[in-house]
Amino acid sequence: MEVAHAKNYYVFPIYPMLFAGGAVVIDRMIDQWLRTRAALVRTTTRAALVAIILLAALPAIPLVTWMLPPERLLAYQNAIGFKPAKAEVHHEALLPQPVADQFGWPEMVREVAAIYNSLPPEDRAQTGIWAGNYGEAGAINQFGPQYGLPRAYSRHQNHWYWGPPPQVYKNLIVIQWSYEDVRDNCTSFQAFEHYERFGMGEENAPMYLCRGVTFDIQEIWWHSHHWN
């Protein structure tokens, strides 16, 4: 994983096993060393080791459990001078990526629903949702049914395999499209601002209602796969 420059969380599941195995080895080493000491020394030493481990772990608890509200977590990081390394190449957020990626999804889906449900019924029937990444598509497909949203599609990574949409849409609600993409692929369009302070920075971009889509989404789907 290190040689391939993988992200640190790819191997998270193996850490508990390594900690457990290491703890057994360390315990045996300490036990063998203490057998040659007096009973009082053994008891005192064990208590001191436990205290040292606990005291060393305490400062890290707010950082690894994410129990603090965002403002307090940021204040705590600043107070101890800790700045977590970027886990994603284009990570731009106030919070660490695993934390920031938990913010903003229900709010984003409500905003998409507001756009979709503002359309006349005949327009809604011809309007699809194209998400810029699998997180957005997944959020819409998770929270969207309660708002009557159609299934979202995305060409991003493995989410591409759930496409193409079953119909050619006349209009699209597009997420994470650039102004140039919208200008070049829509007959007309309308922008809707989106911002989530504690979410991922890449999500803080306008969403667009693209009217009169100038391409056939089914036709381009098979050569529009996006890996990053």
C-alpha atoms as a PDB file:
ATOM      1  CA  MET A   1       0.000   0.000   0.000  1.00  0.00           C
ATOM      2  CA  GLU A   2       2.814   2.413   0.838  1.00  0.00           C
ATOM      3  CA  VAL A   3       4.682   1.696  -2.395  1.00  0.00           C
ATOM      4  CA  ALA A   4       1.486   2.177  -4.410  1.00  0.00           C
ATOM      5  CA  HIS A   5       0.798   5.503  -2.607  1.00  0.00           C
ATOM      6  CA  ALA A   6      -2.545   4.187  -1.357  1.00  0.00           C
ATOM      7  CA  LYS A   7      -4.652   6.109   1.148  1.00  0.00           C
ATOM      8  CA  ASN A   8      -4.054   5.302   4.795  1.00  0.00           C
ATOM      9  CA  TYR A   9      -7.636   4.241   5.474  1.00  0.00           C
ATOM     10  CA  TYR A  10      -7.469   1.424   2.910  1.00  0.00           C
ATOM     11  CA  VAL A  11      -5.868  -0.819   5.542  1.00  0.00           C
ATOM     12  CA  PHE A  12      -7.811   0.389   8.605  1.00  0.00           C
ATOM     13  CA  PRO A  13      -9.438  -3.051   9.153  1.00  0.00           C
ATOM     14  CA  ILE A  14      -6.068  -4.659   9.814  1.00  0.00           C
ATOM     15  CA  TYR A  15      -5.006  -2.235  12.564  1.00  0.00           C
ATOM     16  CA  PRO A  16      -7.058  -3.784  15.427  1.00  0.00           C
ATOM     17  CA  MET A  17      -5.521  -7.187  14.717  1.00  0.00           C
ATOM     18  CA  LEU A  18      -2.028  -5.697  14.696  1.00  0.00           C
ATOM     19  CA  PHE A  19      -2.686  -3.837  17.948  1.00  0.00           C
ATOM     20  CA  ALA A  20      -3.998  -7.012  19.580  1.00  0.00           C
ATOM     21  CA  GLY A  21      -1.067  -9.118  18.394  1.00  0.00           C
ATOM     22  CA  GLY A  22       1.444  -6.483  19.455  1.00  0.00           C
ATOM     23  CA  ALA A  23      -0.193  -6.125  22.853  1.00  0.00           C
ATOM     24  CA  VAL A  24       0.200  -9.864  23.522  1.00  0.00           C
ATOM     25  CA  VAL A  25       3.893  -9.773  22.617  1.00  0.00           C
ATOM     26  CA  ILE A  26       4.596  -6.663  24.701  1.00  0.00           C
ATOM     27  CA  ASP A  27       2.661  -8.103  27.657  1.00  0.00           C
ATOM     28  CA  ARG A  28       4.749 -11.287  27.575  1.00  0.00           C
ATOM     29  CA  MET A  29       8.001  -9.331  27.385  1.00  0.00           C
ATOM     30  CA  ILE A  30       7.039  -7.151  30.336  1.00  0.00           C
ATOM     31  CA  ASP A  31       5.813 -10.151  32.316  1.00  0.00           C
ATOM     32  CA  GLN A  32       9.104 -11.988  31.819  1.00  0.00           C
ATOM     33  CA  TRP A  33      11.065  -8.906  32.884  1.00  0.00           C
ATOM     34  CA  LEU A  34       8.924  -8.372  36.008  1.00  0.00           C
ATOM     35  CA  ARG A  35       9.214 -11.972  37.209  1.00  0.00           C
ATOM     36  CA  THR A  36      12.690 -11.234  38.493  1.00  0.00           C
ATOM     37  CA  ARG A  37      11.470  -8.224  40.529  1.00  0.00           C
ATOM     38  CA  ALA A  38       9.827  -8.066  43.928  1.00  0.00           C
ATOM     39  CA  ALA A  39       6.041  -8.212  44.185  1.00  0.00           C
ATOM     40  CA  LEU A  40       5.704  -4.512  45.125  1.00  0.00           C
ATOM     41  CA  VAL A  41       7.920  -3.481  42.236  1.00  0.00           C
ATOM     42  CA  ARG A  42       5.877  -5.612  39.844  1.00  0.00           C
ATOM     43  CA  THR A  43       2.598  -4.054  40.982  1.00  0.00           C
ATOM     44  CA  THR A  44       3.968  -0.491  40.903  1.00  0.00           C
ATOM     45  CA  THR A  45       5.557  -0.980  37.500  1.00  0.00           C
ATOM     46  CA  ARG A  46       2.373  -2.413  35.983  1.00  0.00           C
ATOM     47  CA  ALA A  47       0.332   0.502  37.340  1.00  0.00           C
ATOM     48  CA  ALA A  48       2.874   3.010  36.015  1.00  0.00           C
ATOM     49  CA  LEU A  49       2.841   1.422  32.551  1.00  0.00           C
ATOM     50  CA  VAL A  50      -0.948   1.503  32.395  1.00  0.00           C
ATOM     51  CA  ALA A  51      -0.951   5.153  33.517  1.00  0.00           C
ATOM     52  CA  ILE A  52       1.638   6.106  30.889  1.00  0.00           C
ATOM     53  CA  ILE A  53      -0.344   4.395  28.116  1.00  0.00           C
ATOM     54  CA  LEU A  54      -3.583   6.084  29.175  1.00  0.00           C
ATOM     55  CA  LEU A  55      -1.997   9.534  29.532  1.00  0.00           C
ATOM     56  CA  ALA A  56      -0.313   9.193  26.138  1.00  0.00           C
ATOM     57  CA  ALA A  57      -3.612   8.162  24.524  1.00  0.00           C
ATOM     58  CA  LEU A  58      -5.828  10.861  26.057  1.00  0.00           C
ATOM     59  CA  PRO A  59      -4.749  13.760  23.761  1.00  0.00           C
ATOM     60  CA  ALA A  60      -5.466  11.633  20.681  1.00  0.00           C
ATOM     61  CA  ILE A  61      -8.986  10.558  21.691  1.00  0.00           C
ATOM     62  CA  PRO A  62     -10.767  13.694  20.319  1.00  0.00           C
ATOM     63  CA  LEU A  63      -8.823  13.328  17.054  1.00  0.00           C
ATOM     64  CA  VAL A  64      -9.547   9.662  16.405  1.00  0.00           C
ATOM     65  CA  THR A  65     -13.111   9.399  17.720  1.00  0.00           C
ATOM     66  CA  TRP A  66     -14.529  12.566  16.099  1.00  0.00           C
ATOM     67  CA  MET A  67     -16.847  13.058  19.070  1.00  0.00           C
ATOM     68  CA  LEU A  68     -16.358  16.822  19.213  1.00  0.00           C
ATOM     69  CA  PRO A  69     -18.555  19.218  17.211  1.00  0.00           C
ATOM     70  CA  PRO A  70     -16.706  20.675  14.183  1.00  0.00           C
ATOM     71  CA  GLU A  71     -15.904  24.044  15.776  1.00  0.00           C
ATOM     72  CA  ARG A  72     -14.470  22.431  18.905  1.00  0.00           C
ATOM     73  CA  LEU A  73     -12.539  19.839  16.888  1.00  0.00           C
ATOM     74  CA  LEU A  74     -10.905  22.599  14.846  1.00  0.00           C
ATOM     75  CA  ALA A  75     -10.146  24.590  18.004  1.00  0.00           C
ATOM     76  CA  TYR A  76      -8.608  21.499  19.614  1.00  0.00           C
ATOM     77  CA  GLN A  77      -6.425  20.796  16.571  1.00  0.00           C
ATOM     78  CA  ASN A  78      -5.188  24.388  16.625  1.00  0.00           C
ATOM     79  CA  ALA A  79      -4.567  24.268  20.379  1.00  0.00           C
ATOM     80  CA  ILE A  80      -2.289  21.225  20.162  1.00  0.00           C
ATOM     81  CA  GLY A  81      -0.745  22.277  16.835  1.00  0.00           C
ATOM     82  CA  PHE A  82      -1.982  19.227  14.940  1.00  0.00           C
ATOM     83  CA  LYS A  83      -2.858  19.376  11.257  1.00  0.00           C
ATOM     84  CA  PRO A  84      -3.841  16.032   9.698  1.00  0.00           C
ATOM     85  CA  ALA A  85      -2.254  15.096   6.397  1.00  0.00           C
ATOM     86  CA  LYS A  86      -4.397  15.240   3.259  1.00  0.00           C
ATOM     87  CA  ALA A  87      -5.975  11.882   2.480  1.00  0.00           C
ATOM     88  CA  GLU A  88      -7.420  12.926  -0.886  1.00  0.00           C
ATOM     89  CA  VAL A  89      -5.387  14.518  -3.662  1.00  0.00           C
ATOM     90  CA  HIS A  90      -7.764  17.448  -4.111  1.00  0.00           C
ATOM     91  CA  HIS A  91      -8.932  17.596  -0.498  1.00  0.00           C
ATOM     92  CA  GLU A  92      -9.931  21.141   0.379  1.00  0.00           C
ATOM     93  CA  ALA A  93     -11.898  21.297   3.610  1.00  0.00           C
ATOM     94  CA  LEU A  94     -11.675  22.632   7.143  1.00  0.00           C
ATOM     95  CA  LEU A  95     -12.014  19.140   8.606  1.00  0.00           C
ATOM     96  CA  PRO A  96     -10.098  15.921   7.864  1.00  0.00           C
ATOM     97  CA  GLN A  97     -11.481  14.175   4.802  1.00  0.00           C
ATOM     98  CA  PRO A  98     -13.201  11.241   6.611  1.00  0.00           C
ATOM     99  CA  VAL A  99     -15.011  13.788   8.814  1.00  0.00           C
ATOM    100  CA  ALA A 100     -15.772  16.365   6.121  1.00  0.00           C
ATOM    101  CA  ASP A 101     -17.223  13.677   3.863  1.00  0.00           C
ATOM    102  CA  GLN A 102     -19.984  13.108   6.431  1.00  0.00           C
ATOM    103  CA  PHE A 103     -21.397  16.627   6.089  1.00  0.00           C
ATOM    104  CA  GLY A 104     -23.829  18.151   3.652  1.00  0.00           C
ATOM    105  CA  TRP A 105     -25.443  15.182   1.909  1.00  0.00           C
ATOM    106  CA  PRO A 106     -29.065  15.515   3.151  1.00  0.00           C
ATOM    107  CA  GLU A 107     -28.867  19.276   2.576  1.00  0.00           C
ATOM    108  CA  MET A 108     -27.589  18.780  -0.965  1.00  0.00           C
ATOM    109  CA  VAL A 109     -30.389  16.341  -1.749  1.00  0.00           C
ATOM    110  CA  ARG A 110     -33.002  18.787  -0.433  1.00  0.00           C
ATOM    111  CA  GLU A 111     -31.597  21.479  -2.718  1.00  0.00           C
ATOM    112  CA  VAL A 112     -31.731  19.143  -5.725  1.00  0.00           C
ATOM    113  CA  ALA A 113     -35.290  18.218  -4.785  1.00  0.00           C
ATOM    114  CA  ALA A 114     -36.261  21.885  -4.604  1.00  0.00           C
ATOM    115  CA  ILE A 115     -35.003  22.394  -8.159  1.00  0.00           C
ATOM    116  CA  TYR A 116     -36.657  19.240  -9.466  1.00  0.00           C
ATOM    117  CA  ASN A 117     -40.009  19.783  -7.760  1.00  0.00           C
ATOM    118  CA  SER A 118     -40.192  23.400  -8.927  1.00  0.00           C
ATOM    119  CA  LEU A 119     -40.606  22.134 -12.499  1.00  0.00           C
ATOM    120  CA  PRO A 120     -43.996  21.514 -14.119  1.00  0.00           C
ATOM    121  CA  PRO A 121     -44.941  17.793 -14.168  1.00  0.00           C
ATOM    122  CA  GLU A 122     -44.306  17.491 -17.902  1.00  0.00           C
ATOM    123  CA  ASP A 123     -40.772  18.874 -17.465  1.00  0.00           C
ATOM    124  CA  ARG A 124     -40.028  16.671 -14.432  1.00  0.00           C
ATOM    125  CA  ALA A 125     -40.813  13.595 -16.521  1.00  0.00           C
ATOM    126  CA  GLN A 126     -38.021  14.596 -18.925  1.00  0.00           C
ATOM    127  CA  THR A 127     -35.469  15.712 -16.320  1.00  0.00           C
ATOM    128  CA  GLY A 128     -32.685  13.486 -14.996  1.00  0.00           C
ATOM    129  CA  ILE A 129     -29.933  13.973 -12.426  1.00  0.00           C
ATOM    130  CA  TRP A 130     -26.260  13.694 -13.358  1.00  0.00           C
ATOM    131  CA  ALA A 131     -23.861  13.772 -10.417  1.00  0.00           C
ATOM    132  CA  GLY A 132     -20.194  14.638 -10.665  1.00  0.00           C
ATOM    133  CA  ASN A 133     -19.070  11.883  -8.299  1.00  0.00           C
ATOM    134  CA  TYR A 134     -20.351   8.684  -6.743  1.00  0.00           C
ATOM    135  CA  GLY A 135     -20.844  10.336  -3.335  1.00  0.00           C
ATOM    136  CA  GLU A 136     -23.379  12.773  -4.734  1.00  0.00           C
ATOM    137  CA  ALA A 137     -25.141  10.071  -6.737  1.00  0.00           C
ATOM    138  CA  GLY A 138     -25.216   7.772  -3.730  1.00  0.00           C
ATOM    139  CA  ALA A 139     -26.647  10.490  -1.492  1.00  0.00           C
ATOM    140  CA  ILE A 140     -29.415  11.301  -3.961  1.00  0.00           C
ATOM    141  CA  ASN A 141     -30.289   7.642  -4.380  1.00  0.00           C
ATOM    142  CA  GLN A 142     -30.312   7.184  -0.603  1.00  0.00           C
ATOM    143  CA  PHE A 143     -32.263  10.286   0.450  1.00  0.00           C
ATOM    144  CA  GLY A 144     -33.981  11.211  -2.806  1.00  0.00           C
ATOM    145  CA  PRO A 145     -36.971   8.830  -2.863  1.00  0.00           C
ATOM    146  CA  GLN A 146     -38.644  10.701   0.014  1.00  0.00           C
ATOM    147  CA  TYR A 147     -38.681  13.800  -2.214  1.00  0.00           C
ATOM    148  CA  GLY A 148     -39.837  11.957  -5.320  1.00  0.00           C
ATOM    149  CA  LEU A 149     -36.463  12.279  -7.061  1.00  0.00           C
ATOM    150  CA  PRO A 150     -35.537   9.969  -9.930  1.00  0.00           C
ATOM    151  CA  ARG A 151     -32.404   7.867  -9.671  1.00  0.00           C
ATOM    152  CA  ALA A 152     -29.165   9.839 -10.051  1.00  0.00           C
ATOM    153  CA  TYR A 153     -26.428   8.686 -12.407  1.00  0.00           C
ATOM    154  CA  SER A 154     -22.717   9.347 -12.384  1.00  0.00           C
ATOM    155  CA  ARG A 155     -19.874   8.335 -14.657  1.00  0.00           C
ATOM    156  CA  HIS A 156     -17.470   8.497 -11.707  1.00  0.00           C
ATOM    157  CA  GLN A 157     -15.515   5.319 -10.932  1.00  0.00           C
ATOM    158  CA  ASN A 158     -17.610   2.194 -10.229  1.00  0.00           C
ATOM    159  CA  HIS A 159     -20.877   4.130 -10.166  1.00  0.00           C
ATOM    160  CA  TRP A 160     -20.548   4.233 -13.952  1.00  0.00           C
ATOM    161  CA  TYR A 161     -21.580   0.557 -14.028  1.00  0.00           C
ATOM    162  CA  TRP A 162     -25.115   1.511 -12.869  1.00  0.00           C
ATOM    163  CA  GLY A 163     -25.709   3.464 -16.046  1.00  0.00           C
ATOM    164  CA  PRO A 164     -26.753   4.569 -18.507  1.00  0.00           C
ATOM    165  CA  PRO A 165     -30.143   5.995 -17.555  1.00  0.00           C
ATOM    166  CA  PRO A 166     -33.141   4.156 -19.008  1.00  0.00           C
ATOM    167  CA  GLN A 167     -34.201   7.140 -21.103  1.00  0.00           C
ATOM    168  CA  VAL A 168     -32.738  10.070 -22.986  1.00  0.00           C
ATOM    169  CA  TYR A 169     -33.443  13.128 -20.872  1.00  0.00           C
ATOM    170  CA  LYS A 170     -34.336  16.470 -22.368  1.00  0.00           C
ATOM    171  CA  ASN A 171     -33.110  18.288 -19.239  1.00  0.00           C
ATOM    172  CA  LEU A 172     -30.573  17.469 -16.546  1.00  0.00           C
ATOM    173  CA  ILE A 173     -29.853  18.699 -13.043  1.00  0.00           C
ATOM    174  CA  VAL A 174     -26.078  18.564 -13.030  1.00  0.00           C
ATOM    175  CA  ILE A 175     -23.775  18.609 -10.003  1.00  0.00           C
ATOM    176  CA  GLN A 176     -20.091  19.544 -10.181  1.00  0.00           C
ATOM    177  CA  TRP A 177     -20.201  20.664 -13.761  1.00  0.00           C
ATOM    178  CA  SER A 178     -18.086  23.652 -14.693  1.00  0.00           C
ATOM    179  CA  TYR A 179     -19.622  26.738 -16.239  1.00  0.00           C
ATOM    180  CA  GLU A 180     -17.903  25.848 -19.508  1.00  0.00           C
ATOM    181  CA  ASP A 181     -19.419  22.335 -19.515  1.00  0.00           C
ATOM    182  CA  VAL A 182     -22.890  23.733 -18.970  1.00  0.00           C
ATOM    183  CA  ARG A 183     -22.430  26.477 -21.549  1.00  0.00           C
ATOM    184  CA  ASP A 184     -21.271  23.992 -24.187  1.00  0.00           C
ATOM    185  CA  ASN A 185     -23.847  21.255 -23.545  1.00  0.00           C
ATOM    186  CA  CYS A 186     -27.070  23.039 -22.665  1.00  0.00           C
ATOM    187  CA  THR A 187     -29.412  25.145 -24.770  1.00  0.00           C
ATOM    188  CA  SER A 188     -30.119  27.229 -21.670  1.00  0.00           C
ATOM    189  CA  PHE A 189     -29.278  26.840 -17.989  1.00  0.00           C
ATOM    190  CA  GLN A 190     -29.887  28.219 -14.523  1.00  0.00           C
ATOM    191  CA  ALA A 191     -27.399  28.162 -11.646  1.00  0.00           C
ATOM    192  CA  PHE A 192     -28.221  27.346  -8.015  1.00  0.00           C
ATOM    193  CA  GLU A 193     -25.614  28.068  -5.351  1.00  0.00           C
ATOM    194  CA  HIS A 194     -24.579  25.303  -2.964  1.00  0.00           C
ATOM    195  CA  TYR A 195     -22.348  25.673   0.090  1.00  0.00           C
ATOM    196  CA  GLU A 196     -21.609  23.489   3.122  1.00  0.00           C
ATOM    197  CA  ARG A 197     -19.017  24.989   5.449  1.00  0.00           C
ATOM    198  CA  PHE A 198     -17.813  21.746   7.011  1.00  0.00           C
ATOM    199  CA  GLY A 199     -18.167  19.550   3.944  1.00  0.00           C
ATOM    200  CA  MET A 200     -15.650  18.825   1.210  1.00  0.00           C
ATOM    201  CA  GLY A 201     -14.605  21.916  -0.714  1.00  0.00           C
ATOM    202  CA  GLU A 202     -15.185  20.252  -4.078  1.00  0.00           C
ATOM    203  CA  GLU A 203     -18.902  20.117  -3.277  1.00  0.00           C
ATOM    204  CA  ASN A 204     -19.152  23.890  -2.851  1.00  0.00           C
ATOM    205  CA  ALA A 205     -19.970  24.652  -6.454  1.00  0.00           C
ATOM    206  CA  PRO A 206     -23.162  25.747  -8.209  1.00  0.00           C
ATOM    207  CA  MET A 207     -25.647  23.154  -9.329  1.00  0.00           C
ATOM    208  CA  TYR A 208     -27.264  23.755 -12.703  1.00  0.00           C
ATOM    209  CA  LEU A 209     -30.587  23.080 -14.297  1.00  0.00           C
ATOM    210  CA  CYS A 210     -29.505  22.273 -17.841  1.00  0.00           C
ATOM    211  CA  ARG A 211     -32.381  22.697 -20.287  1.00  0.00           C
ATOM    212  CA  GLY A 212     -32.247  21.343 -23.801  1.00  0.00           C
ATOM    213  CA  VAL A 213     -29.333  18.932 -23.380  1.00  0.00           C
ATOM    214  CA  THR A 214     -27.368  18.864 -26.627  1.00  0.00           C
ATOM    215  CA  PHE A 215     -26.073  15.288 -26.345  1.00  0.00           C
ATOM    216  CA  ASP A 216     -27.559  11.809 -26.049  1.00  0.00           C
ATOM    217  CA  ILE A 217     -26.599  10.591 -22.577  1.00  0.00           C
ATOM    218  CA  GLN A 218     -27.108   6.936 -23.520  1.00  0.00           C
ATOM    219  CA  GLU A 219     -24.972   7.271 -26.617  1.00  0.00           C
ATOM    220  CA  ILE A 220     -21.968   8.879 -24.875  1.00  0.00           C
ATOM    221  CA  TRP A 221     -22.185   6.823 -21.675  1.00  0.00           C
ATOM    222  CA  TRP A 222     -19.965   3.969 -22.817  1.00  0.00           C
ATOM    223  CA  HIS A 223     -17.010   6.222 -23.543  1.00  0.00           C
ATOM    224  CA  SER A 224     -17.458   8.717 -20.724  1.00  0.00           C
ATOM    225  CA  HIS A 225     -16.079   6.726 -17.787  1.00  0.00           C
ATOM    226  CA  HIS A 226     -14.289   8.990 -15.306  1.00  0.00           C
ATOM    227  CA  TRP A 227     -11.546   7.604 -13.041  1.00  0.00           C
ATOM    228  CA  ASN A 228      -9.677   9.840 -10.573  1.00  0.00           C
END
